[in-house]
């Protein structure tokens, strides 16, 4: 899993390998965003693809559909094992729902890998999707960001270890708990790719 290279007599880590779960949703947009952030990503369609990765993106889409597609492949257990072994995870929109400890409206099982409670479709239906501005704090620096919300969930509760990295109108929209990062918006659809670069740094800590 660790790639090392020799440079001027010093050994340093190689770049992180990141995958994007490619079962349903906007996985191709995440691959493009990562590429524009300088990171090559592979599409993941089964547990075996996780073996050589340092980070995994779980994209937006439809959370119940994603669960139906994941279960025959045993992807839920594989993702939990990947996290236990040190892998970084990044869930956006539906991916945030899947990673949450608790899901409401309606209740739905999740992977329970980040200590948050989310409410599904809390901003409304597809027709209620919108683009707004917010503030993200990445690597200690706060910066304005474009936020794209599409049938987005809302984070209703956060655990004591959860760090809030972004807000929209006072509500958390980007949060981190250790090696897990989730966004209720779609950073892959914005002009800038600071969030993807930030996640790549998280994954590189393992590499």
N, C-alpha and C. Protein backbone atom coordinates (compact mmCIF):
# COMPACT_ATOMS: atom_id res chain seq x y z
N UNK A 1 0.83 -1.20 0.00
CA UNK A 1 0.00 0.00 0.00
C UNK A 1 0.86 1.25 0.00
N UNK A 2 2.07 1.12 0.55
CA UNK A 2 2.94 2.29 0.63
C UNK A 2 3.88 2.28 -0.56
N UNK A 3 3.95 3.39 -1.26
CA UNK A 3 4.84 3.53 -2.40
C UNK A 3 5.93 4.52 -2.03
N UNK A 4 7.16 4.05 -2.06
CA UNK A 4 8.26 4.91 -1.68
C UNK A 4 9.15 5.14 -2.88
N UNK A 5 9.80 6.28 -2.89
CA UNK A 5 10.73 6.56 -3.97
C UNK A 5 11.96 7.23 -3.39
N UNK A 6 13.09 7.00 -4.03
CA UNK A 6 14.34 7.56 -3.57
C UNK A 6 14.60 8.87 -4.31
N UNK A 7 14.92 9.93 -3.56
CA UNK A 7 15.19 11.21 -4.20
C UNK A 7 16.29 11.91 -3.42
N UNK A 8 17.44 12.08 -4.06
CA UNK A 8 18.58 12.75 -3.43
C UNK A 8 18.95 12.10 -2.09
N UNK A 9 18.85 10.79 -2.08
CA UNK A 9 19.25 10.05 -0.89
C UNK A 9 18.21 10.00 0.21
N UNK A 10 17.06 10.66 0.03
CA UNK A 10 16.02 10.66 1.06
C UNK A 10 14.84 9.83 0.57
N UNK A 11 14.19 9.16 1.49
CA UNK A 11 13.01 8.37 1.16
C UNK A 11 11.78 9.16 1.56
N UNK A 12 10.85 9.31 0.62
CA UNK A 12 9.62 10.04 0.94
C UNK A 12 8.42 9.28 0.38
N UNK A 13 7.23 9.51 0.92
CA UNK A 13 6.05 8.79 0.44
C UNK A 13 5.71 9.18 -0.99
N UNK A 14 5.17 8.22 -1.74
CA UNK A 14 4.64 8.50 -3.07
C UNK A 14 3.25 9.08 -2.96
N UNK A 15 2.64 9.43 -4.11
CA UNK A 15 1.30 10.02 -4.09
C UNK A 15 0.24 9.02 -3.65
N UNK A 16 -0.83 9.53 -3.07
CA UNK A 16 -1.93 8.67 -2.65
C UNK A 16 -2.66 8.10 -3.86
N UNK A 17 -3.15 6.88 -3.70
CA UNK A 17 -4.01 6.26 -4.72
C UNK A 17 -5.44 6.37 -4.24
N UNK A 18 -6.29 6.96 -5.05
CA UNK A 18 -7.67 7.22 -4.67
C UNK A 18 -8.61 6.54 -5.66
N UNK A 19 -9.66 5.96 -5.12
CA UNK A 19 -10.70 5.35 -5.94
C UNK A 19 -12.02 6.09 -5.77
N UNK A 20 -12.89 5.94 -6.74
CA UNK A 20 -14.25 6.50 -6.68
C UNK A 20 -15.22 5.35 -6.87
N UNK A 21 -16.12 5.16 -5.91
CA UNK A 21 -17.11 4.09 -6.02
C UNK A 21 -17.99 4.35 -7.24
N UNK A 22 -17.97 3.43 -8.19
CA UNK A 22 -18.58 3.66 -9.50
C UNK A 22 -19.74 2.70 -9.75
N UNK A 23 -20.67 2.65 -8.80
CA UNK A 23 -21.85 1.80 -8.94
C UNK A 23 -23.08 2.59 -9.37
N UNK A 24 -23.15 3.85 -8.96
CA UNK A 24 -24.32 4.69 -9.25
C UNK A 24 -23.96 6.10 -8.88
N UNK A 25 -24.56 7.08 -9.52
CA UNK A 25 -24.34 8.47 -9.16
C UNK A 25 -23.28 9.13 -10.03
N UNK A 26 -22.76 10.26 -9.54
CA UNK A 26 -21.91 11.12 -10.36
C UNK A 26 -20.41 10.83 -10.17
N UNK A 27 -20.05 9.54 -10.26
CA UNK A 27 -18.65 9.16 -10.04
C UNK A 27 -17.71 9.73 -11.09
N UNK A 28 -18.19 9.87 -12.34
CA UNK A 28 -17.31 10.40 -13.39
C UNK A 28 -16.92 11.84 -13.10
N UNK A 29 -17.84 12.62 -12.53
CA UNK A 29 -17.53 14.02 -12.19
C UNK A 29 -16.46 14.08 -11.10
N UNK A 30 -16.49 13.15 -10.16
CA UNK A 30 -15.44 13.12 -9.13
C UNK A 30 -14.09 12.77 -9.72
N UNK A 31 -14.07 11.85 -10.65
CA UNK A 31 -12.80 11.52 -11.30
C UNK A 31 -12.22 12.73 -12.02
N UNK A 32 -13.08 13.48 -12.70
CA UNK A 32 -12.61 14.68 -13.40
C UNK A 32 -12.09 15.71 -12.40
N UNK A 33 -12.84 15.91 -11.30
CA UNK A 33 -12.42 16.89 -10.30
C UNK A 33 -11.08 16.51 -9.69
N UNK A 34 -10.90 15.24 -9.39
CA UNK A 34 -9.62 14.78 -8.84
C UNK A 34 -8.49 14.98 -9.85
N UNK A 35 -8.78 14.68 -11.12
CA UNK A 35 -7.76 14.88 -12.16
C UNK A 35 -7.35 16.34 -12.26
N UNK A 36 -8.35 17.24 -12.18
CA UNK A 36 -8.05 18.66 -12.25
C UNK A 36 -7.31 19.15 -11.00
N UNK A 37 -7.45 18.39 -9.90
CA UNK A 37 -6.69 18.70 -8.69
C UNK A 37 -5.32 18.02 -8.69
N UNK A 38 -5.00 17.32 -9.80
CA UNK A 38 -3.70 16.70 -9.94
C UNK A 38 -3.62 15.29 -9.40
N UNK A 39 -4.78 14.63 -9.21
CA UNK A 39 -4.80 13.28 -8.65
C UNK A 39 -5.49 12.33 -9.63
N UNK A 40 -4.81 11.26 -9.99
CA UNK A 40 -5.42 10.25 -10.84
C UNK A 40 -6.21 9.27 -9.97
N UNK A 41 -7.45 9.00 -10.34
CA UNK A 41 -8.29 8.11 -9.55
C UNK A 41 -8.78 6.96 -10.42
N UNK A 42 -9.09 5.85 -9.78
CA UNK A 42 -9.63 4.70 -10.49
C UNK A 42 -11.08 4.51 -10.09
N UNK A 43 -11.85 3.86 -10.95
CA UNK A 43 -13.24 3.53 -10.65
C UNK A 43 -13.29 2.20 -9.90
N UNK A 44 -14.04 2.18 -8.81
CA UNK A 44 -14.14 1.01 -7.94
C UNK A 44 -15.52 0.38 -8.11
N UNK A 45 -15.54 -0.90 -8.48
CA UNK A 45 -16.81 -1.59 -8.67
C UNK A 45 -16.90 -2.88 -7.84
N UNK A 46 -15.92 -3.09 -6.98
CA UNK A 46 -15.95 -4.28 -6.14
C UNK A 46 -14.89 -4.19 -5.07
N UNK A 47 -14.99 -5.04 -4.03
CA UNK A 47 -14.06 -4.97 -2.90
C UNK A 47 -12.60 -5.14 -3.27
N UNK A 48 -12.30 -5.96 -4.27
CA UNK A 48 -10.89 -6.22 -4.60
C UNK A 48 -10.15 -4.96 -5.02
N UNK A 49 -10.87 -3.98 -5.58
CA UNK A 49 -10.23 -2.75 -6.03
C UNK A 49 -9.73 -1.89 -4.88
N UNK A 50 -10.21 -2.15 -3.67
CA UNK A 50 -9.79 -1.35 -2.52
C UNK A 50 -8.39 -1.71 -2.02
N UNK A 51 -7.88 -2.85 -2.44
CA UNK A 51 -6.65 -3.38 -1.85
C UNK A 51 -5.47 -2.44 -2.00
N UNK A 52 -5.37 -1.74 -3.11
CA UNK A 52 -4.19 -0.89 -3.35
C UNK A 52 -4.49 0.59 -3.19
N UNK A 53 -5.60 0.93 -2.52
CA UNK A 53 -6.00 2.34 -2.40
C UNK A 53 -5.65 2.91 -1.03
N UNK A 54 -5.52 4.24 -1.01
CA UNK A 54 -5.35 4.98 0.24
C UNK A 54 -6.59 5.79 0.58
N UNK A 55 -7.43 6.08 -0.41
CA UNK A 55 -8.64 6.85 -0.19
C UNK A 55 -9.74 6.41 -1.12
N UNK A 56 -10.99 6.57 -0.69
CA UNK A 56 -12.15 6.20 -1.49
C UNK A 56 -13.19 7.31 -1.41
N UNK A 57 -13.70 7.72 -2.57
CA UNK A 57 -14.78 8.69 -2.65
C UNK A 57 -16.09 7.93 -2.87
N UNK A 58 -17.10 8.24 -2.06
CA UNK A 58 -18.45 7.69 -2.26
C UNK A 58 -19.30 8.85 -2.77
N UNK A 59 -19.73 8.79 -4.03
CA UNK A 59 -20.33 9.97 -4.66
C UNK A 59 -21.79 10.17 -4.31
N UNK A 60 -22.30 11.31 -4.77
CA UNK A 60 -23.73 11.55 -4.69
C UNK A 60 -24.47 10.68 -5.69
N UNK A 61 -25.76 10.61 -5.52
CA UNK A 61 -26.62 9.77 -6.35
C UNK A 61 -27.90 9.54 -5.58
N UNK A 62 -28.26 8.28 -5.39
CA UNK A 62 -29.45 7.94 -4.61
C UNK A 62 -29.02 6.91 -3.57
N UNK A 63 -29.13 7.26 -2.31
CA UNK A 63 -28.52 6.43 -1.27
C UNK A 63 -29.13 5.04 -1.18
N UNK A 64 -30.45 4.92 -1.34
CA UNK A 64 -31.05 3.59 -1.26
C UNK A 64 -30.63 2.74 -2.46
N UNK A 65 -30.51 3.35 -3.63
CA UNK A 65 -30.04 2.61 -4.81
C UNK A 65 -28.61 2.15 -4.61
N UNK A 66 -27.77 3.03 -4.05
CA UNK A 66 -26.38 2.65 -3.79
C UNK A 66 -26.30 1.46 -2.83
N UNK A 67 -27.11 1.48 -1.79
CA UNK A 67 -27.12 0.37 -0.84
C UNK A 67 -27.53 -0.93 -1.51
N UNK A 68 -28.56 -0.88 -2.37
CA UNK A 68 -29.01 -2.09 -3.06
C UNK A 68 -27.92 -2.67 -3.95
N UNK A 69 -27.13 -1.80 -4.56
CA UNK A 69 -26.06 -2.26 -5.45
C UNK A 69 -24.84 -2.74 -4.66
N UNK A 70 -24.60 -2.15 -3.49
CA UNK A 70 -23.44 -2.51 -2.68
C UNK A 70 -23.59 -3.86 -1.99
N UNK A 71 -24.80 -4.18 -1.53
CA UNK A 71 -24.98 -5.34 -0.67
C UNK A 71 -24.61 -6.67 -1.33
N UNK A 72 -25.01 -6.94 -2.57
CA UNK A 72 -24.60 -8.22 -3.17
C UNK A 72 -23.08 -8.35 -3.33
N UNK A 73 -22.38 -7.23 -3.35
CA UNK A 73 -20.93 -7.24 -3.50
C UNK A 73 -20.19 -7.25 -2.16
N UNK A 74 -20.95 -7.18 -1.06
CA UNK A 74 -20.35 -7.06 0.28
C UNK A 74 -19.49 -5.80 0.40
N UNK A 75 -19.89 -4.73 -0.29
CA UNK A 75 -19.11 -3.50 -0.26
C UNK A 75 -19.18 -2.80 1.09
N UNK A 76 -20.30 -2.96 1.80
CA UNK A 76 -20.40 -2.30 3.11
C UNK A 76 -19.31 -2.80 4.06
N UNK A 77 -19.18 -4.12 4.17
CA UNK A 77 -18.14 -4.68 5.03
C UNK A 77 -16.75 -4.35 4.51
N UNK A 78 -16.61 -4.33 3.19
CA UNK A 78 -15.30 -4.03 2.60
C UNK A 78 -14.88 -2.60 2.90
N UNK A 79 -15.83 -1.66 2.85
CA UNK A 79 -15.51 -0.26 3.14
C UNK A 79 -15.18 -0.08 4.61
N UNK A 80 -15.92 -0.76 5.48
CA UNK A 80 -15.59 -0.69 6.91
C UNK A 80 -14.18 -1.23 7.17
N UNK A 81 -13.84 -2.35 6.52
CA UNK A 81 -12.51 -2.93 6.70
C UNK A 81 -11.44 -2.00 6.14
N UNK A 82 -11.73 -1.36 5.01
CA UNK A 82 -10.80 -0.40 4.41
C UNK A 82 -10.53 0.75 5.38
N UNK A 83 -11.58 1.23 6.02
CA UNK A 83 -11.43 2.31 7.00
C UNK A 83 -10.63 1.85 8.21
N UNK A 84 -10.93 0.65 8.71
CA UNK A 84 -10.19 0.13 9.87
C UNK A 84 -8.71 -0.01 9.57
N UNK A 85 -8.37 -0.32 8.34
CA UNK A 85 -6.97 -0.53 7.97
C UNK A 85 -6.23 0.78 7.70
N UNK A 86 -6.93 1.93 7.83
CA UNK A 86 -6.28 3.22 7.68
C UNK A 86 -6.68 4.01 6.46
N UNK A 87 -7.59 3.49 5.66
CA UNK A 87 -8.01 4.20 4.46
C UNK A 87 -8.86 5.42 4.78
N UNK A 88 -8.75 6.46 3.95
CA UNK A 88 -9.54 7.68 4.09
C UNK A 88 -10.79 7.58 3.24
N UNK A 89 -11.88 8.17 3.71
CA UNK A 89 -13.17 8.12 3.02
C UNK A 89 -13.70 9.53 2.83
N UNK A 90 -14.34 9.76 1.70
CA UNK A 90 -14.95 11.05 1.39
C UNK A 90 -16.32 10.79 0.77
N UNK A 91 -17.38 11.18 1.47
CA UNK A 91 -18.74 11.00 0.96
C UNK A 91 -19.39 12.33 0.66
N UNK A 92 -20.01 12.44 -0.50
CA UNK A 92 -20.72 13.67 -0.87
C UNK A 92 -22.20 13.35 -1.09
N UNK A 93 -23.06 14.18 -0.51
CA UNK A 93 -24.51 14.06 -0.65
C UNK A 93 -24.97 12.65 -0.26
N UNK A 94 -25.33 11.80 -1.21
CA UNK A 94 -25.73 10.44 -0.86
C UNK A 94 -24.60 9.70 -0.15
N UNK A 95 -23.36 9.98 -0.54
CA UNK A 95 -22.22 9.36 0.14
C UNK A 95 -22.14 9.76 1.60
N UNK A 96 -22.50 11.01 1.91
CA UNK A 96 -22.54 11.46 3.30
C UNK A 96 -23.61 10.71 4.08
N UNK A 97 -24.74 10.45 3.43
CA UNK A 97 -25.82 9.69 4.07
C UNK A 97 -25.33 8.28 4.41
N UNK A 98 -24.64 7.63 3.47
CA UNK A 98 -24.18 6.26 3.69
C UNK A 98 -23.15 6.16 4.81
N UNK A 99 -22.35 7.20 4.98
CA UNK A 99 -21.29 7.14 5.99
C UNK A 99 -21.77 7.54 7.39
N UNK A 100 -22.95 8.15 7.49
CA UNK A 100 -23.43 8.71 8.75
C UNK A 100 -23.75 7.64 9.79
N UNK A 101 -23.66 8.06 11.05
CA UNK A 101 -24.05 7.19 12.16
C UNK A 101 -25.55 7.00 12.20
N UNK A 102 -26.33 8.06 11.93
CA UNK A 102 -27.79 7.99 11.99
C UNK A 102 -28.38 8.73 10.80
N UNK A 103 -29.42 8.13 10.20
CA UNK A 103 -30.11 8.71 9.05
C UNK A 103 -31.59 8.84 9.38
N UNK A 104 -32.16 10.00 9.08
CA UNK A 104 -33.58 10.26 9.35
C UNK A 104 -34.32 10.65 8.07
N UNK A 105 -35.64 10.53 8.13
CA UNK A 105 -36.59 11.05 7.10
C UNK A 105 -36.42 10.44 5.72
N UNK A 106 -36.67 9.16 5.57
CA UNK A 106 -36.92 8.15 6.59
C UNK A 106 -35.61 7.57 7.11
N UNK A 107 -35.74 6.76 8.17
CA UNK A 107 -34.57 6.09 8.71
C UNK A 107 -34.00 5.13 7.68
N UNK A 108 -32.69 4.98 7.72
CA UNK A 108 -32.01 4.11 6.75
C UNK A 108 -30.71 3.64 7.38
N UNK A 109 -30.35 2.38 7.20
CA UNK A 109 -29.06 1.93 7.75
C UNK A 109 -27.91 2.61 7.03
N UNK A 110 -26.84 2.83 7.76
CA UNK A 110 -25.65 3.44 7.18
C UNK A 110 -24.42 2.70 7.64
N UNK A 111 -23.28 3.15 7.20
CA UNK A 111 -22.02 2.51 7.57
C UNK A 111 -21.56 2.92 8.97
N UNK A 112 -22.08 4.03 9.48
CA UNK A 112 -21.76 4.45 10.84
C UNK A 112 -20.31 4.81 11.05
N UNK A 113 -19.67 5.39 10.04
CA UNK A 113 -18.24 5.68 10.14
C UNK A 113 -17.93 7.14 10.45
N UNK A 114 -18.95 7.98 10.57
CA UNK A 114 -18.74 9.35 11.04
C UNK A 114 -19.89 9.69 11.97
N UNK A 115 -19.58 10.35 13.08
CA UNK A 115 -20.54 10.57 14.16
C UNK A 115 -21.42 11.79 13.87
N UNK A 116 -22.30 11.63 12.87
CA UNK A 116 -23.25 12.68 12.53
C UNK A 116 -24.63 12.07 12.31
N UNK A 117 -25.63 12.90 12.48
CA UNK A 117 -27.01 12.55 12.13
C UNK A 117 -27.41 13.40 10.93
N UNK A 118 -27.90 12.75 9.89
CA UNK A 118 -28.31 13.48 8.69
C UNK A 118 -29.79 13.26 8.42
N UNK A 119 -30.40 14.27 7.82
CA UNK A 119 -31.79 14.19 7.39
C UNK A 119 -31.81 14.20 5.87
N UNK A 120 -32.37 13.16 5.28
CA UNK A 120 -32.37 13.02 3.83
C UNK A 120 -33.27 14.06 3.16
N UNK A 121 -32.84 14.50 1.96
CA UNK A 121 -33.63 15.42 1.12
C UNK A 121 -34.17 16.62 1.90
N UNK A 122 -33.38 17.10 2.85
CA UNK A 122 -33.87 18.13 3.77
C UNK A 122 -34.01 19.50 3.12
N UNK A 123 -33.38 19.71 1.97
CA UNK A 123 -33.52 20.98 1.25
C UNK A 123 -34.65 20.94 0.23
N UNK A 124 -35.28 19.78 0.07
CA UNK A 124 -36.38 19.67 -0.88
C UNK A 124 -36.07 18.70 -2.00
N UNK A 125 -36.95 18.69 -3.00
CA UNK A 125 -36.84 17.77 -4.12
C UNK A 125 -35.84 18.28 -5.16
N UNK A 126 -35.71 17.53 -6.26
CA UNK A 126 -34.78 17.90 -7.33
C UNK A 126 -35.02 19.32 -7.82
N UNK A 127 -36.27 19.70 -7.91
CA UNK A 127 -36.62 21.03 -8.42
C UNK A 127 -36.15 22.14 -7.47
N UNK A 128 -35.89 21.78 -6.23
CA UNK A 128 -35.44 22.75 -5.23
C UNK A 128 -33.92 22.86 -5.15
N UNK A 129 -33.21 22.20 -6.05
CA UNK A 129 -31.75 22.28 -6.07
C UNK A 129 -31.30 23.71 -6.32
N UNK A 130 -30.14 24.08 -5.77
CA UNK A 130 -29.68 25.46 -5.90
C UNK A 130 -28.17 25.56 -5.75
N UNK A 131 -27.64 26.68 -6.18
CA UNK A 131 -26.21 27.00 -6.04
C UNK A 131 -26.09 28.23 -5.15
N UNK A 132 -25.19 28.18 -4.17
CA UNK A 132 -25.04 29.29 -3.25
C UNK A 132 -23.56 29.47 -2.94
N UNK A 133 -23.27 30.35 -1.99
CA UNK A 133 -21.92 30.60 -1.54
C UNK A 133 -21.81 30.26 -0.06
N UNK A 134 -20.65 29.82 0.32
CA UNK A 134 -20.40 29.52 1.72
C UNK A 134 -18.93 29.72 2.02
N UNK A 135 -18.52 29.30 3.20
CA UNK A 135 -17.12 29.43 3.61
C UNK A 135 -16.61 28.07 4.03
N UNK A 136 -15.43 27.71 3.52
CA UNK A 136 -14.77 26.46 3.88
C UNK A 136 -13.45 26.77 4.55
N UNK A 137 -13.12 26.00 5.58
CA UNK A 137 -11.84 26.18 6.27
C UNK A 137 -11.01 24.92 6.04
N UNK A 138 -10.03 25.03 5.14
CA UNK A 138 -9.21 23.89 4.76
C UNK A 138 -7.76 24.20 5.09
N UNK A 139 -7.12 23.30 5.82
CA UNK A 139 -5.73 23.49 6.24
C UNK A 139 -5.53 24.81 6.97
N UNK A 140 -6.50 25.17 7.81
CA UNK A 140 -6.38 26.36 8.64
C UNK A 140 -6.69 27.67 7.96
N UNK A 141 -7.04 27.62 6.67
CA UNK A 141 -7.34 28.85 5.94
C UNK A 141 -8.79 28.85 5.49
N UNK A 142 -9.52 29.92 5.85
CA UNK A 142 -10.92 30.04 5.44
C UNK A 142 -11.00 30.72 4.09
N UNK A 143 -11.83 30.17 3.22
CA UNK A 143 -11.96 30.74 1.88
C UNK A 143 -13.40 30.60 1.41
N UNK A 144 -13.87 31.53 0.57
CA UNK A 144 -15.22 31.41 0.02
C UNK A 144 -15.28 30.26 -0.98
N UNK A 145 -16.45 29.68 -1.14
CA UNK A 145 -16.60 28.55 -2.05
C UNK A 145 -18.00 28.53 -2.64
N UNK A 146 -18.08 28.03 -3.87
CA UNK A 146 -19.37 27.77 -4.50
C UNK A 146 -19.90 26.44 -3.99
N UNK A 147 -21.17 26.42 -3.60
CA UNK A 147 -21.78 25.22 -3.03
C UNK A 147 -22.98 24.82 -3.88
N UNK A 148 -22.96 23.61 -4.40
CA UNK A 148 -24.04 23.10 -5.25
C UNK A 148 -24.83 22.07 -4.46
N UNK A 149 -26.12 22.33 -4.24
CA UNK A 149 -26.99 21.45 -3.47
C UNK A 149 -28.03 20.82 -4.39
N UNK A 150 -28.06 19.49 -4.45
CA UNK A 150 -29.01 18.75 -5.29
C UNK A 150 -29.68 17.68 -4.43
N UNK A 151 -30.94 17.87 -4.11
CA UNK A 151 -31.67 16.94 -3.22
C UNK A 151 -30.79 16.62 -2.00
N UNK A 152 -30.24 17.65 -1.45
CA UNK A 152 -29.18 17.48 -0.45
C UNK A 152 -29.71 17.13 0.93
N UNK A 153 -28.94 16.35 1.69
CA UNK A 153 -29.26 16.13 3.10
C UNK A 153 -28.80 17.32 3.93
N UNK A 154 -29.26 17.35 5.16
CA UNK A 154 -28.77 18.33 6.14
C UNK A 154 -28.14 17.58 7.30
N UNK A 155 -27.07 18.12 7.82
CA UNK A 155 -26.44 17.56 9.03
C UNK A 155 -27.14 18.17 10.23
N UNK A 156 -27.84 17.33 10.97
CA UNK A 156 -28.63 17.82 12.11
C UNK A 156 -27.88 17.74 13.42
N UNK A 157 -26.97 16.80 13.57
CA UNK A 157 -26.20 16.66 14.81
C UNK A 157 -24.78 16.22 14.46
N UNK A 158 -23.83 16.68 15.26
CA UNK A 158 -22.44 16.24 15.10
C UNK A 158 -21.91 15.79 16.46
N UNK A 159 -21.10 14.74 16.45
CA UNK A 159 -20.49 14.25 17.66
C UNK A 159 -19.35 15.14 18.13
N UNK A 160 -18.86 14.95 19.34
CA UNK A 160 -17.85 15.84 19.91
C UNK A 160 -16.52 15.83 19.17
N UNK A 161 -16.20 14.75 18.46
CA UNK A 161 -14.93 14.68 17.75
C UNK A 161 -15.02 15.19 16.32
N UNK A 162 -16.21 15.55 15.89
CA UNK A 162 -16.40 15.98 14.50
C UNK A 162 -16.00 17.44 14.34
N UNK A 163 -15.16 17.71 13.36
CA UNK A 163 -14.69 19.06 13.07
C UNK A 163 -15.51 19.65 11.92
N UNK A 164 -16.07 20.83 12.13
CA UNK A 164 -16.85 21.49 11.10
C UNK A 164 -15.91 22.35 10.25
N UNK A 165 -15.82 22.00 8.97
CA UNK A 165 -14.90 22.69 8.05
C UNK A 165 -15.61 23.64 7.11
N UNK A 166 -16.93 23.53 7.01
CA UNK A 166 -17.67 24.41 6.10
C UNK A 166 -19.09 24.61 6.57
N UNK A 167 -19.59 25.82 6.35
CA UNK A 167 -20.96 26.15 6.72
C UNK A 167 -21.66 26.87 5.58
N UNK A 168 -23.00 26.71 5.58
CA UNK A 168 -23.86 27.47 4.68
C UNK A 168 -25.00 28.01 5.52
N UNK A 169 -25.09 29.33 5.60
CA UNK A 169 -26.11 29.99 6.43
C UNK A 169 -26.10 29.43 7.85
N UNK A 170 -24.91 29.22 8.38
CA UNK A 170 -24.74 28.78 9.76
C UNK A 170 -24.78 27.28 9.97
N UNK A 171 -25.22 26.51 8.97
CA UNK A 171 -25.33 25.07 9.13
C UNK A 171 -24.09 24.37 8.59
N UNK A 172 -23.66 23.29 9.27
CA UNK A 172 -22.49 22.55 8.77
C UNK A 172 -22.80 21.85 7.45
N UNK A 173 -21.88 21.98 6.49
CA UNK A 173 -22.05 21.33 5.19
C UNK A 173 -20.82 20.53 4.79
N UNK A 174 -19.71 20.73 5.49
CA UNK A 174 -18.49 19.96 5.27
C UNK A 174 -17.90 19.65 6.64
N UNK A 175 -17.78 18.37 6.98
CA UNK A 175 -17.30 17.98 8.30
C UNK A 175 -16.32 16.83 8.18
N UNK A 176 -15.47 16.73 9.20
CA UNK A 176 -14.44 15.68 9.21
C UNK A 176 -14.39 15.03 10.58
N UNK A 177 -14.23 13.73 10.58
CA UNK A 177 -14.01 12.97 11.81
C UNK A 177 -12.87 12.00 11.53
N UNK A 178 -11.67 12.37 11.91
CA UNK A 178 -10.52 11.52 11.65
C UNK A 178 -10.26 11.36 10.17
N UNK A 179 -10.36 10.13 9.68
CA UNK A 179 -10.08 9.82 8.28
C UNK A 179 -11.33 9.84 7.41
N UNK A 180 -12.41 10.41 7.93
CA UNK A 180 -13.66 10.47 7.17
C UNK A 180 -14.07 11.92 6.97
N UNK A 181 -14.31 12.27 5.71
CA UNK A 181 -14.74 13.61 5.32
C UNK A 181 -16.07 13.48 4.60
N UNK A 182 -17.06 14.33 4.95
CA UNK A 182 -18.33 14.30 4.22
C UNK A 182 -18.78 15.71 3.90
N UNK A 183 -19.46 15.83 2.76
CA UNK A 183 -20.03 17.10 2.31
C UNK A 183 -21.48 16.86 1.92
N UNK A 184 -22.36 17.76 2.32
CA UNK A 184 -23.77 17.64 1.90
C UNK A 184 -23.99 18.27 0.53
N UNK A 185 -23.01 19.02 0.05
CA UNK A 185 -23.10 19.63 -1.28
C UNK A 185 -22.26 18.80 -2.26
N UNK A 186 -22.16 19.28 -3.50
CA UNK A 186 -21.45 18.56 -4.56
C UNK A 186 -20.20 19.34 -4.98
N UNK A 187 -19.06 19.15 -4.30
CA UNK A 187 -17.85 19.91 -4.68
C UNK A 187 -17.34 19.55 -6.06
N UNK A 188 -17.69 18.38 -6.56
CA UNK A 188 -17.24 17.97 -7.89
C UNK A 188 -17.90 18.78 -9.01
N UNK A 189 -18.96 19.52 -8.67
CA UNK A 189 -19.68 20.30 -9.67
C UNK A 189 -19.33 21.78 -9.59
N UNK A 190 -18.39 22.14 -8.72
CA UNK A 190 -17.96 23.53 -8.58
C UNK A 190 -16.74 23.80 -9.45
N UNK A 191 -16.47 25.08 -9.67
CA UNK A 191 -15.34 25.46 -10.52
C UNK A 191 -14.01 25.11 -9.86
N UNK A 192 -13.90 25.31 -8.56
CA UNK A 192 -12.66 25.00 -7.86
C UNK A 192 -12.68 23.60 -7.28
N UNK A 193 -11.51 23.04 -7.02
CA UNK A 193 -11.44 21.67 -6.52
C UNK A 193 -10.59 21.59 -5.25
N UNK A 194 -10.72 22.62 -4.41
CA UNK A 194 -9.97 22.65 -3.16
C UNK A 194 -10.34 21.49 -2.24
N UNK A 195 -11.63 21.10 -2.22
CA UNK A 195 -12.05 20.03 -1.32
C UNK A 195 -11.43 18.70 -1.75
N UNK A 196 -11.39 18.45 -3.05
CA UNK A 196 -10.77 17.22 -3.53
C UNK A 196 -9.28 17.20 -3.24
N UNK A 197 -8.62 18.34 -3.39
CA UNK A 197 -7.20 18.42 -3.06
C UNK A 197 -6.98 18.17 -1.57
N UNK A 198 -7.87 18.69 -0.74
CA UNK A 198 -7.78 18.47 0.71
C UNK A 198 -7.93 16.99 1.04
N UNK A 199 -8.90 16.33 0.38
CA UNK A 199 -9.07 14.89 0.63
C UNK A 199 -7.85 14.11 0.17
N UNK A 200 -7.28 14.50 -0.95
CA UNK A 200 -6.07 13.82 -1.43
C UNK A 200 -4.96 13.91 -0.40
N UNK A 201 -4.86 15.05 0.29
CA UNK A 201 -3.86 15.19 1.37
C UNK A 201 -4.18 14.26 2.54
N UNK A 202 -5.47 14.13 2.85
CA UNK A 202 -5.87 13.19 3.91
C UNK A 202 -5.42 11.78 3.56
N UNK A 203 -5.70 11.37 2.32
CA UNK A 203 -5.33 10.03 1.89
C UNK A 203 -3.82 9.85 1.84
N UNK A 204 -3.11 10.91 1.48
CA UNK A 204 -1.64 10.84 1.38
C UNK A 204 -0.99 10.56 2.72
N UNK A 205 -1.68 10.89 3.81
CA UNK A 205 -1.13 10.62 5.13
C UNK A 205 -0.91 9.12 5.32
N UNK A 206 -1.77 8.32 4.70
CA UNK A 206 -1.60 6.87 4.75
C UNK A 206 -0.48 6.43 3.81
N UNK A 207 -0.47 7.03 2.57
CA UNK A 207 0.56 6.66 1.61
C UNK A 207 1.94 7.02 2.13
